[in-house]
Amino acid sequence: MNWIYEPWPWYVSGPLIAFIMFLLLMVGKNFGMSSNLRTMCTICGADKSAEFFKFDWKKQRWNLIVVLGAIIGGFIGSHLLSLDTSVAITENTIADLKSLGFDSAGSAYLPTELYGISQLTDLKSLAVLILGGFFVGFGARYAGGCTSGHAISGLSNLQIPSLIAVIGFFIGGLVMIHFLFPLIF
């Protein structure tokens, strides 16, 4: 019964993702998470103050169920189907992260030095989280979608703008981790 606590192999999860994308394509839907923020803002009344939020959000209800499923699935996966919540990273990476002050590297999925509740009182961590959130939100809006929307839905629909966006995401990630991350921490 230990197999239930292991990550699914690519040859199971990959075809399942492809099957879901096929179903969405057949019913004319696009997958993406960042579009849900627009839907939630409209539900909360943002359409009264900004033209961008004036649309029929009820056509996007299905996508809100996807978000709810991701939240519930993540909870089930991390609390009920995971025996070990540490991340399998190399010893060199753990040593590099520890030299930057991340003592929880390799033992926690998210570094507690950045994502712990205590960080809400640390000005530097709070600034990094807010600025990072702003850049992610701006980038997702500017690119016309988030990483999951472009990489999964856009590429499966053979959209050239999604290919360009995904290449940009990877370049941005490499620049961040190799050049900016050491400067920040």
N, C-alpha and C. Protein backbone atom coordinates (compact mmCIF):
# COMPACT_ATOMS: atom_id res chain seq x y z
N MET A 1 0.82 -1.20 0.00
CA MET A 1 0.00 0.00 0.00
C MET A 1 0.86 1.26 0.00
N ASN A 2 2.20 1.14 0.08
CA ASN A 2 3.07 2.31 0.04
C ASN A 2 3.03 3.04 -1.28
N TRP A 3 2.59 2.37 -2.38
CA TRP A 3 2.54 3.01 -3.69
C TRP A 3 1.62 4.23 -3.69
N ILE A 4 0.65 4.25 -2.82
CA ILE A 4 -0.30 5.37 -2.78
C ILE A 4 0.37 6.65 -2.28
N TYR A 5 1.47 6.51 -1.55
CA TYR A 5 2.16 7.66 -1.00
C TYR A 5 3.29 8.17 -1.89
N GLU A 6 3.51 7.54 -3.01
CA GLU A 6 4.57 7.95 -3.94
C GLU A 6 3.99 8.87 -5.02
N PRO A 7 4.83 9.75 -5.57
CA PRO A 7 4.35 10.59 -6.70
C PRO A 7 3.99 9.69 -7.89
N TRP A 8 3.01 10.13 -8.66
CA TRP A 8 2.62 9.37 -9.83
C TRP A 8 3.70 9.50 -10.89
N PRO A 9 4.02 8.43 -11.57
CA PRO A 9 5.04 8.50 -12.62
C PRO A 9 4.51 9.29 -13.83
N TRP A 10 5.43 9.79 -14.62
CA TRP A 10 5.08 10.62 -15.76
C TRP A 10 4.16 9.88 -16.73
N TYR A 11 4.33 8.57 -16.88
CA TYR A 11 3.54 7.83 -17.86
C TYR A 11 2.09 7.62 -17.40
N VAL A 12 1.78 7.98 -16.17
CA VAL A 12 0.39 7.97 -15.70
C VAL A 12 -0.16 9.39 -15.70
N SER A 13 0.56 10.32 -15.05
CA SER A 13 0.07 11.69 -14.93
C SER A 13 0.08 12.43 -16.26
N GLY A 14 1.09 12.21 -17.11
CA GLY A 14 1.16 12.90 -18.40
C GLY A 14 -0.05 12.61 -19.29
N PRO A 15 -0.37 11.32 -19.52
CA PRO A 15 -1.56 11.02 -20.32
C PRO A 15 -2.86 11.54 -19.68
N LEU A 16 -2.93 11.57 -18.34
CA LEU A 16 -4.13 12.12 -17.71
C LEU A 16 -4.28 13.62 -18.00
N ILE A 17 -3.16 14.34 -17.94
CA ILE A 17 -3.20 15.77 -18.28
C ILE A 17 -3.59 15.93 -19.74
N ALA A 18 -3.01 15.11 -20.63
CA ALA A 18 -3.34 15.19 -22.05
C ALA A 18 -4.82 14.89 -22.29
N PHE A 19 -5.35 13.93 -21.56
CA PHE A 19 -6.78 13.59 -21.70
C PHE A 19 -7.67 14.76 -21.27
N ILE A 20 -7.32 15.39 -20.15
CA ILE A 20 -8.09 16.55 -19.69
C ILE A 20 -8.02 17.68 -20.71
N MET A 21 -6.83 17.91 -21.27
CA MET A 21 -6.67 18.97 -22.27
C MET A 21 -7.50 18.65 -23.52
N PHE A 22 -7.53 17.37 -23.90
CA PHE A 22 -8.35 16.95 -25.04
C PHE A 22 -9.83 17.24 -24.78
N LEU A 23 -10.29 16.91 -23.56
CA LEU A 23 -11.68 17.18 -23.21
C LEU A 23 -11.99 18.67 -23.25
N LEU A 24 -11.09 19.48 -22.70
CA LEU A 24 -11.30 20.93 -22.71
C LEU A 24 -11.32 21.47 -24.14
N LEU A 25 -10.45 20.95 -24.99
CA LEU A 25 -10.41 21.37 -26.39
C LEU A 25 -11.72 21.02 -27.08
N MET A 26 -12.26 19.86 -26.79
CA MET A 26 -13.49 19.42 -27.43
C MET A 26 -14.70 20.27 -27.02
N VAL A 27 -14.68 20.82 -25.81
CA VAL A 27 -15.80 21.65 -25.37
C VAL A 27 -15.50 23.15 -25.50
N GLY A 28 -14.35 23.48 -26.12
CA GLY A 28 -14.01 24.87 -26.39
C GLY A 28 -13.57 25.68 -25.19
N LYS A 29 -12.93 25.04 -24.22
CA LYS A 29 -12.47 25.74 -23.01
C LYS A 29 -10.94 25.80 -23.00
N ASN A 30 -10.40 26.83 -22.36
CA ASN A 30 -8.96 26.95 -22.15
C ASN A 30 -8.67 26.85 -20.67
N PHE A 31 -7.61 26.13 -20.34
CA PHE A 31 -7.21 25.96 -18.96
C PHE A 31 -6.23 27.05 -18.55
N GLY A 32 -6.40 27.56 -17.36
CA GLY A 32 -5.47 28.54 -16.80
C GLY A 32 -5.95 28.96 -15.43
N MET A 33 -5.02 29.25 -14.56
CA MET A 33 -5.38 29.62 -13.20
C MET A 33 -5.49 31.12 -13.01
N SER A 34 -4.65 31.90 -13.68
CA SER A 34 -4.64 33.35 -13.42
C SER A 34 -5.93 34.03 -13.86
N SER A 35 -6.63 33.46 -14.82
CA SER A 35 -7.89 34.06 -15.26
C SER A 35 -8.94 34.02 -14.15
N ASN A 36 -8.76 33.15 -13.18
CA ASN A 36 -9.71 33.06 -12.07
C ASN A 36 -9.67 34.28 -11.17
N LEU A 37 -8.52 34.95 -11.10
CA LEU A 37 -8.43 36.17 -10.30
C LEU A 37 -9.37 37.23 -10.87
N ARG A 38 -9.38 37.35 -12.19
CA ARG A 38 -10.30 38.30 -12.83
C ARG A 38 -11.75 37.94 -12.52
N THR A 39 -12.06 36.65 -12.60
CA THR A 39 -13.42 36.19 -12.31
C THR A 39 -13.81 36.50 -10.87
N MET A 40 -12.91 36.21 -9.93
CA MET A 40 -13.21 36.45 -8.51
C MET A 40 -13.35 37.95 -8.22
N CYS A 41 -12.52 38.77 -8.86
CA CYS A 41 -12.64 40.22 -8.67
C CYS A 41 -13.97 40.73 -9.20
N THR A 42 -14.41 40.18 -10.32
CA THR A 42 -15.70 40.59 -10.89
C THR A 42 -16.84 40.18 -9.97
N ILE A 43 -16.78 38.96 -9.44
CA ILE A 43 -17.80 38.50 -8.51
C ILE A 43 -17.89 39.43 -7.30
N CYS A 44 -16.73 39.94 -6.85
CA CYS A 44 -16.69 40.82 -5.67
C CYS A 44 -17.05 42.26 -6.00
N GLY A 45 -17.34 42.57 -7.25
CA GLY A 45 -17.82 43.91 -7.59
C GLY A 45 -16.83 44.82 -8.29
N ALA A 46 -15.69 44.30 -8.72
CA ALA A 46 -14.71 45.15 -9.39
C ALA A 46 -15.21 45.67 -10.73
N ASP A 47 -16.24 45.04 -11.29
CA ASP A 47 -16.78 45.49 -12.56
C ASP A 47 -17.44 46.86 -12.46
N LYS A 48 -17.72 47.31 -11.26
CA LYS A 48 -18.33 48.62 -11.07
C LYS A 48 -17.31 49.75 -11.18
N SER A 49 -16.02 49.42 -11.07
CA SER A 49 -15.01 50.48 -11.10
C SER A 49 -13.98 50.35 -12.22
N ALA A 50 -13.93 49.22 -12.93
CA ALA A 50 -12.95 49.06 -14.00
C ALA A 50 -13.57 48.30 -15.18
N GLU A 51 -13.32 48.80 -16.36
CA GLU A 51 -13.86 48.21 -17.59
C GLU A 51 -13.36 46.77 -17.80
N PHE A 52 -12.12 46.51 -17.39
CA PHE A 52 -11.50 45.20 -17.57
C PHE A 52 -12.32 44.09 -16.93
N PHE A 53 -13.01 44.40 -15.84
CA PHE A 53 -13.75 43.38 -15.10
C PHE A 53 -15.20 43.24 -15.56
N LYS A 54 -15.58 43.96 -16.59
CA LYS A 54 -16.96 43.86 -17.09
C LYS A 54 -17.03 42.75 -18.14
N PHE A 55 -17.43 41.58 -17.69
CA PHE A 55 -17.64 40.44 -18.58
C PHE A 55 -18.58 39.47 -17.88
N ASP A 56 -19.08 38.51 -18.61
CA ASP A 56 -20.01 37.52 -18.05
C ASP A 56 -19.22 36.45 -17.31
N TRP A 57 -19.02 36.67 -16.01
CA TRP A 57 -18.21 35.76 -15.21
C TRP A 57 -18.86 34.40 -15.05
N LYS A 58 -20.16 34.31 -15.25
CA LYS A 58 -20.85 33.03 -15.06
C LYS A 58 -20.42 31.99 -16.09
N LYS A 59 -19.88 32.44 -17.22
CA LYS A 59 -19.34 31.50 -18.20
C LYS A 59 -18.03 30.89 -17.74
N GLN A 60 -17.41 31.45 -16.71
CA GLN A 60 -16.14 30.98 -16.18
C GLN A 60 -16.29 30.18 -14.88
N ARG A 61 -17.52 29.89 -14.48
CA ARG A 61 -17.73 29.15 -13.23
C ARG A 61 -17.00 27.81 -13.21
N TRP A 62 -16.95 27.15 -14.34
CA TRP A 62 -16.29 25.85 -14.41
C TRP A 62 -14.82 25.97 -14.00
N ASN A 63 -14.18 27.09 -14.34
CA ASN A 63 -12.76 27.28 -14.03
C ASN A 63 -12.57 27.52 -12.53
N LEU A 64 -13.56 28.10 -11.87
CA LEU A 64 -13.48 28.25 -10.41
C LEU A 64 -13.52 26.89 -9.72
N ILE A 65 -14.24 25.95 -10.33
CA ILE A 65 -14.28 24.59 -9.78
C ILE A 65 -12.90 23.94 -9.92
N VAL A 66 -12.19 24.27 -11.00
CA VAL A 66 -10.82 23.76 -11.17
C VAL A 66 -9.93 24.25 -10.03
N VAL A 67 -10.06 25.54 -9.67
CA VAL A 67 -9.27 26.10 -8.57
C VAL A 67 -9.63 25.40 -7.26
N LEU A 68 -10.91 25.23 -7.01
CA LEU A 68 -11.34 24.54 -5.80
C LEU A 68 -10.80 23.12 -5.77
N GLY A 69 -10.84 22.44 -6.91
CA GLY A 69 -10.28 21.09 -7.00
C GLY A 69 -8.78 21.07 -6.75
N ALA A 70 -8.05 22.09 -7.24
CA ALA A 70 -6.61 22.16 -7.02
C ALA A 70 -6.31 22.38 -5.54
N ILE A 71 -7.11 23.19 -4.89
CA ILE A 71 -6.91 23.44 -3.45
C ILE A 71 -7.20 22.17 -2.65
N ILE A 72 -8.34 21.54 -2.93
CA ILE A 72 -8.71 20.31 -2.21
C ILE A 72 -7.72 19.20 -2.53
N GLY A 73 -7.36 19.05 -3.81
CA GLY A 73 -6.39 18.02 -4.19
C GLY A 73 -5.03 18.23 -3.56
N GLY A 74 -4.59 19.49 -3.49
CA GLY A 74 -3.32 19.79 -2.84
C GLY A 74 -3.35 19.45 -1.36
N PHE A 75 -4.47 19.76 -0.71
CA PHE A 75 -4.61 19.43 0.72
C PHE A 75 -4.58 17.92 0.92
N ILE A 76 -5.35 17.20 0.11
CA ILE A 76 -5.39 15.74 0.23
C ILE A 76 -4.01 15.15 -0.05
N GLY A 77 -3.36 15.66 -1.09
CA GLY A 77 -2.04 15.15 -1.44
C GLY A 77 -1.00 15.39 -0.36
N SER A 78 -1.03 16.58 0.25
CA SER A 78 0.00 16.89 1.23
C SER A 78 -0.30 16.36 2.62
N HIS A 79 -1.57 16.23 2.97
CA HIS A 79 -1.91 15.80 4.33
C HIS A 79 -2.31 14.33 4.44
N LEU A 80 -2.84 13.74 3.38
CA LEU A 80 -3.32 12.37 3.48
C LEU A 80 -2.51 11.38 2.64
N LEU A 81 -1.87 11.87 1.57
CA LEU A 81 -1.17 10.95 0.67
C LEU A 81 0.34 11.13 0.67
N SER A 82 0.87 11.88 1.61
CA SER A 82 2.31 12.10 1.66
C SER A 82 2.86 11.70 3.02
N LEU A 83 3.78 10.77 2.99
CA LEU A 83 4.45 10.38 4.23
C LEU A 83 5.63 11.31 4.50
N ASP A 84 6.33 11.70 3.45
CA ASP A 84 7.52 12.54 3.58
C ASP A 84 7.30 13.81 2.76
N THR A 85 7.29 14.95 3.42
CA THR A 85 7.03 16.21 2.72
C THR A 85 8.31 16.96 2.35
N SER A 86 9.45 16.31 2.50
CA SER A 86 10.69 16.97 2.10
C SER A 86 10.84 16.89 0.58
N VAL A 87 11.64 17.79 0.05
CA VAL A 87 11.87 17.85 -1.39
C VAL A 87 13.15 17.09 -1.70
N ALA A 88 13.10 16.28 -2.73
CA ALA A 88 14.27 15.50 -3.13
C ALA A 88 15.18 16.38 -3.98
N ILE A 89 16.12 17.06 -3.33
CA ILE A 89 17.09 17.89 -4.05
C ILE A 89 18.49 17.42 -3.68
N THR A 90 19.45 17.76 -4.51
CA THR A 90 20.81 17.28 -4.31
C THR A 90 21.46 17.90 -3.07
N GLU A 91 22.46 17.25 -2.59
CA GLU A 91 23.20 17.76 -1.42
C GLU A 91 23.87 19.10 -1.74
N ASN A 92 24.33 19.26 -2.97
CA ASN A 92 24.95 20.54 -3.36
C ASN A 92 23.94 21.68 -3.29
N THR A 93 22.72 21.43 -3.76
CA THR A 93 21.68 22.45 -3.70
C THR A 93 21.32 22.78 -2.26
N ILE A 94 21.22 21.75 -1.43
CA ILE A 94 20.93 21.97 -0.01
C ILE A 94 22.04 22.81 0.62
N ALA A 95 23.29 22.51 0.31
CA ALA A 95 24.42 23.27 0.86
C ALA A 95 24.38 24.72 0.37
N ASP A 96 24.07 24.92 -0.92
CA ASP A 96 23.98 26.28 -1.46
C ASP A 96 22.88 27.07 -0.77
N LEU A 97 21.72 26.44 -0.59
CA LEU A 97 20.60 27.13 0.05
C LEU A 97 20.90 27.42 1.51
N LYS A 98 21.55 26.49 2.19
CA LYS A 98 21.91 26.73 3.60
C LYS A 98 22.92 27.86 3.73
N SER A 99 23.82 27.99 2.74
CA SER A 99 24.78 29.10 2.78
C SER A 99 24.08 30.45 2.58
N LEU A 100 22.89 30.42 1.96
CA LEU A 100 22.10 31.65 1.79
C LEU A 100 21.16 31.89 2.97
N GLY A 101 21.18 30.99 3.97
CA GLY A 101 20.37 31.18 5.17
C GLY A 101 19.09 30.37 5.21
N PHE A 102 18.91 29.44 4.29
CA PHE A 102 17.72 28.59 4.26
C PHE A 102 18.03 27.27 4.94
N ASP A 103 17.94 27.25 6.26
CA ASP A 103 18.29 26.05 7.03
C ASP A 103 17.29 24.92 6.85
N SER A 104 16.08 25.22 6.36
CA SER A 104 15.08 24.18 6.15
C SER A 104 15.20 23.52 4.78
N ALA A 105 16.22 23.88 4.00
CA ALA A 105 16.40 23.32 2.66
C ALA A 105 16.52 21.80 2.73
N GLY A 106 15.72 21.14 1.91
CA GLY A 106 15.74 19.68 1.86
C GLY A 106 14.85 19.00 2.87
N SER A 107 14.37 19.74 3.87
CA SER A 107 13.52 19.12 4.89
C SER A 107 12.09 19.63 4.85
N ALA A 108 11.84 20.69 4.11
CA ALA A 108 10.49 21.25 4.00
C ALA A 108 10.20 21.55 2.54
N TYR A 109 8.95 21.41 2.15
CA TYR A 109 8.59 21.68 0.76
C TYR A 109 8.80 23.15 0.42
N LEU A 110 8.34 24.03 1.28
CA LEU A 110 8.57 25.46 1.13
C LEU A 110 9.50 25.91 2.23
N PRO A 111 10.50 26.74 1.91
CA PRO A 111 11.41 27.18 2.96
C PRO A 111 10.70 28.02 4.02
N THR A 112 10.76 27.55 5.25
CA THR A 112 10.08 28.27 6.33
C THR A 112 10.69 29.64 6.56
N GLU A 113 11.95 29.82 6.15
CA GLU A 113 12.59 31.13 6.30
C GLU A 113 11.97 32.19 5.39
N LEU A 114 11.21 31.76 4.38
CA LEU A 114 10.56 32.70 3.49
C LEU A 114 9.04 32.63 3.58
N TYR A 115 8.50 31.43 3.81
CA TYR A 115 7.05 31.25 3.79
C TYR A 115 6.42 30.95 5.14
N GLY A 116 7.15 31.02 6.21
CA GLY A 116 6.59 30.78 7.54
C GLY A 116 5.76 31.97 7.99
N ILE A 117 4.86 31.74 8.90
CA ILE A 117 4.01 32.81 9.45
C ILE A 117 4.85 33.92 10.06
N SER A 118 5.97 33.57 10.65
CA SER A 118 6.83 34.58 11.28
C SER A 118 7.38 35.58 10.27
N GLN A 119 7.38 35.21 8.99
CA GLN A 119 7.92 36.11 7.97
C GLN A 119 7.01 37.31 7.69
N LEU A 120 5.79 37.23 8.14
CA LEU A 120 4.88 38.37 7.94
C LEU A 120 5.27 39.57 8.78
N THR A 121 6.14 39.35 9.76
CA THR A 121 6.62 40.46 10.57
C THR A 121 8.01 40.93 10.14
N ASP A 122 8.66 40.18 9.23
CA ASP A 122 9.98 40.55 8.73
C ASP A 122 9.81 41.42 7.49
N LEU A 123 10.30 42.63 7.54
CA LEU A 123 10.10 43.61 6.46
C LEU A 123 10.70 43.13 5.14
N LYS A 124 11.90 42.57 5.17
CA LYS A 124 12.55 42.13 3.94
C LYS A 124 11.75 41.00 3.28
N SER A 125 11.36 39.99 4.06
CA SER A 125 10.59 38.87 3.51
C SER A 125 9.24 39.33 2.99
N LEU A 126 8.59 40.19 3.73
CA LEU A 126 7.30 40.72 3.30
C LEU A 126 7.43 41.50 2.00
N ALA A 127 8.48 42.30 1.88
CA ALA A 127 8.71 43.07 0.65
C ALA A 127 8.97 42.14 -0.53
N VAL A 128 9.76 41.08 -0.32
CA VAL A 128 10.04 40.12 -1.39
C VAL A 128 8.76 39.43 -1.83
N LEU A 129 7.93 39.01 -0.87
CA LEU A 129 6.68 38.32 -1.21
C LEU A 129 5.72 39.25 -1.96
N ILE A 130 5.58 40.49 -1.51
CA ILE A 130 4.67 41.44 -2.16
C ILE A 130 5.17 41.80 -3.55
N LEU A 131 6.46 42.12 -3.65
CA LEU A 131 7.03 42.48 -4.94
C LEU A 131 6.98 41.30 -5.90
N GLY A 132 7.31 40.10 -5.40
CA GLY A 132 7.23 38.91 -6.24
C GLY A 132 5.81 38.64 -6.71
N GLY A 133 4.84 38.79 -5.81
CA GLY A 133 3.44 38.60 -6.19
C GLY A 133 3.00 39.61 -7.24
N PHE A 134 3.45 40.85 -7.08
CA PHE A 134 3.13 41.87 -8.08
C PHE A 134 3.71 41.51 -9.44
N PHE A 135 4.98 41.10 -9.47
CA PHE A 135 5.62 40.74 -10.73
C PHE A 135 4.97 39.53 -11.38
N VAL A 136 4.59 38.54 -10.58
CA VAL A 136 3.91 37.37 -11.13
C VAL A 136 2.55 37.77 -11.71
N GLY A 137 1.80 38.57 -10.96
CA GLY A 137 0.50 39.02 -11.46
C GLY A 137 0.62 39.88 -12.70
N PHE A 138 1.56 40.82 -12.68
CA PHE A 138 1.77 41.67 -13.86
C PHE A 138 2.21 40.83 -15.05
N GLY A 139 3.15 39.92 -14.82
CA GLY A 139 3.65 39.08 -15.91
C GLY A 139 2.57 38.18 -16.49
N ALA A 140 1.73 37.62 -15.63
CA ALA A 140 0.65 36.76 -16.13
C ALA A 140 -0.34 37.57 -16.95
N ARG A 141 -0.63 38.77 -16.51
CA ARG A 141 -1.56 39.63 -17.26
C ARG A 141 -0.92 40.09 -18.57
N TYR A 142 0.33 40.49 -18.52
CA TYR A 142 1.03 40.99 -19.70
C TYR A 142 1.21 39.88 -20.75
N ALA A 143 1.47 38.65 -20.27
CA ALA A 143 1.67 37.51 -21.18
C ALA A 143 0.34 36.91 -21.64
N GLY A 144 -0.76 37.40 -21.12
CA GLY A 144 -2.06 36.87 -21.52
C GLY A 144 -2.37 35.54 -20.88
N GLY A 145 -1.75 35.23 -19.76
CA GLY A 145 -2.01 33.98 -19.06
C GLY A 145 -0.83 33.60 -18.20
N CYS A 146 -1.07 32.62 -17.35
CA CYS A 146 -0.05 32.17 -16.41
C CYS A 146 0.74 31.00 -17.00
N THR A 147 1.70 30.52 -16.24
CA THR A 147 2.54 29.42 -16.71
C THR A 147 1.71 28.17 -17.01
N SER A 148 0.75 27.86 -16.16
CA SER A 148 -0.05 26.65 -16.41
C SER A 148 -0.92 26.83 -17.64
N GLY A 149 -1.48 28.00 -17.82
CA GLY A 149 -2.32 28.24 -19.00
C GLY A 149 -1.55 28.14 -20.29
N HIS A 150 -0.39 28.79 -20.34
CA HIS A 150 0.42 28.76 -21.57
C HIS A 150 1.08 27.40 -21.78
N ALA A 151 1.70 26.86 -20.72
CA ALA A 151 2.48 25.64 -20.88
C ALA A 151 1.61 24.41 -21.11
N ILE A 152 0.45 24.38 -20.50
CA ILE A 152 -0.40 23.20 -20.65
C ILE A 152 -1.44 23.41 -21.75
N SER A 153 -2.23 24.45 -21.63
CA SER A 153 -3.32 24.67 -22.57
C SER A 153 -2.82 25.27 -23.89
N GLY A 154 -2.02 26.32 -23.80
CA GLY A 154 -1.56 27.00 -25.01
C GLY A 154 -0.70 26.12 -25.89
N LEU A 155 0.26 25.41 -25.28
CA LEU A 155 1.12 24.53 -26.08
C LEU A 155 0.35 23.36 -26.65
N SER A 156 -0.63 22.84 -25.91
CA SER A 156 -1.40 21.72 -26.45
C SER A 156 -2.29 22.16 -27.61
N ASN A 157 -2.58 23.47 -27.68
CA ASN A 157 -3.34 24.02 -28.81
C ASN A 157 -2.42 24.54 -29.91
N LEU A 158 -1.10 24.30 -29.76
CA LEU A 158 -0.08 24.70 -30.73
C LEU A 158 -0.08 26.21 -30.99
N GLN A 159 -0.22 26.99 -29.94
CA GLN A 159 -0.24 28.45 -30.06
C GLN A 159 1.18 28.98 -29.94
N ILE A 160 1.64 29.70 -30.98
CA ILE A 160 2.98 30.28 -31.00
C ILE A 160 3.18 31.28 -29.85
N PRO A 161 2.19 32.16 -29.53
CA PRO A 161 2.40 33.07 -28.39
C PRO A 161 2.64 32.31 -27.08
N SER A 162 2.03 31.16 -26.91
CA SER A 162 2.27 30.36 -25.70
C SER A 162 3.68 29.80 -25.68
N LEU A 163 4.17 29.38 -26.84
CA LEU A 163 5.55 28.90 -26.91
C LEU A 163 6.52 30.01 -26.54
N ILE A 164 6.29 31.21 -27.05
CA ILE A 164 7.14 32.36 -26.73
C ILE A 164 7.05 32.68 -25.24
N ALA A 165 5.84 32.64 -24.69
CA ALA A 165 5.66 32.92 -23.25
C ALA A 165 6.38 31.88 -22.40
N VAL A 166 6.27 30.60 -22.75
CA VAL A 166 6.92 29.54 -21.97
C VAL A 166 8.43 29.69 -22.02
N ILE A 167 8.98 30.01 -23.19
CA ILE A 167 10.42 30.26 -23.30
C ILE A 167 10.80 31.43 -22.40
N GLY A 168 9.98 32.49 -22.41
CA GLY A 168 10.22 33.64 -21.53
C GLY A 168 10.15 33.28 -20.06
N PHE A 169 9.20 32.41 -19.68
CA PHE A 169 9.09 31.97 -18.29
C PHE A 169 10.37 31.25 -17.85
N PHE A 170 10.87 30.37 -18.71
CA PHE A 170 12.08 29.63 -18.36
C PHE A 170 13.29 30.54 -18.27
N ILE A 171 13.42 31.46 -19.22
CA ILE A 171 14.54 32.40 -19.16
C ILE A 171 14.45 33.25 -17.90
N GLY A 172 13.24 33.74 -17.60
CA GLY A 172 13.05 34.53 -16.38
C GLY A 172 13.37 33.74 -15.13
N GLY A 173 12.99 32.48 -15.08
CA GLY A 173 13.30 31.64 -13.93
C GLY A 173 14.79 31.42 -13.77
N LEU A 174 15.48 31.19 -14.88
CA LEU A 174 16.93 31.00 -14.82
C LEU A 174 17.64 32.27 -14.37
N VAL A 175 17.22 33.41 -14.90
CA VAL A 175 17.81 34.69 -14.48
C VAL A 175 17.57 34.91 -12.99
N MET A 176 16.36 34.65 -12.55
CA MET A 176 16.02 34.86 -11.15
C MET A 176 16.88 34.00 -10.22
N ILE A 177 16.95 32.72 -10.50
CA ILE A 177 17.62 31.82 -9.57
C ILE A 177 19.14 31.96 -9.61
N HIS A 178 19.69 32.29 -10.77
CA HIS A 178 21.15 32.35 -10.87
C HIS A 178 21.72 33.75 -10.61
N PHE A 179 20.94 34.80 -10.85
CA PHE A 179 21.49 36.15 -10.71
C PHE A 179 20.82 36.97 -9.60
N LEU A 180 19.49 36.99 -9.58
CA LEU A 180 18.78 37.84 -8.63
C LEU A 180 18.65 37.20 -7.25
N PHE A 181 18.37 35.92 -7.18
CA PHE A 181 18.17 35.24 -5.89
C PHE A 181 19.38 35.40 -4.97
N PRO A 182 20.61 35.18 -5.47
CA PRO A 182 21.77 35.38 -4.57
C PRO A 182 21.93 36.84 -4.11
N LEU A 183 21.49 37.80 -4.92
CA LEU A 183 21.57 39.20 -4.52
C LEU A 183 20.56 39.54 -3.43
N ILE A 184 19.40 38.92 -3.50
CA ILE A 184 18.34 39.19 -2.54
C ILE A 184 18.66 38.54 -1.20
N PHE A 185 19.16 37.31 -1.26
CA PHE A 185 19.43 36.57 -0.03
C PHE A 185 20.92 36.42 0.12
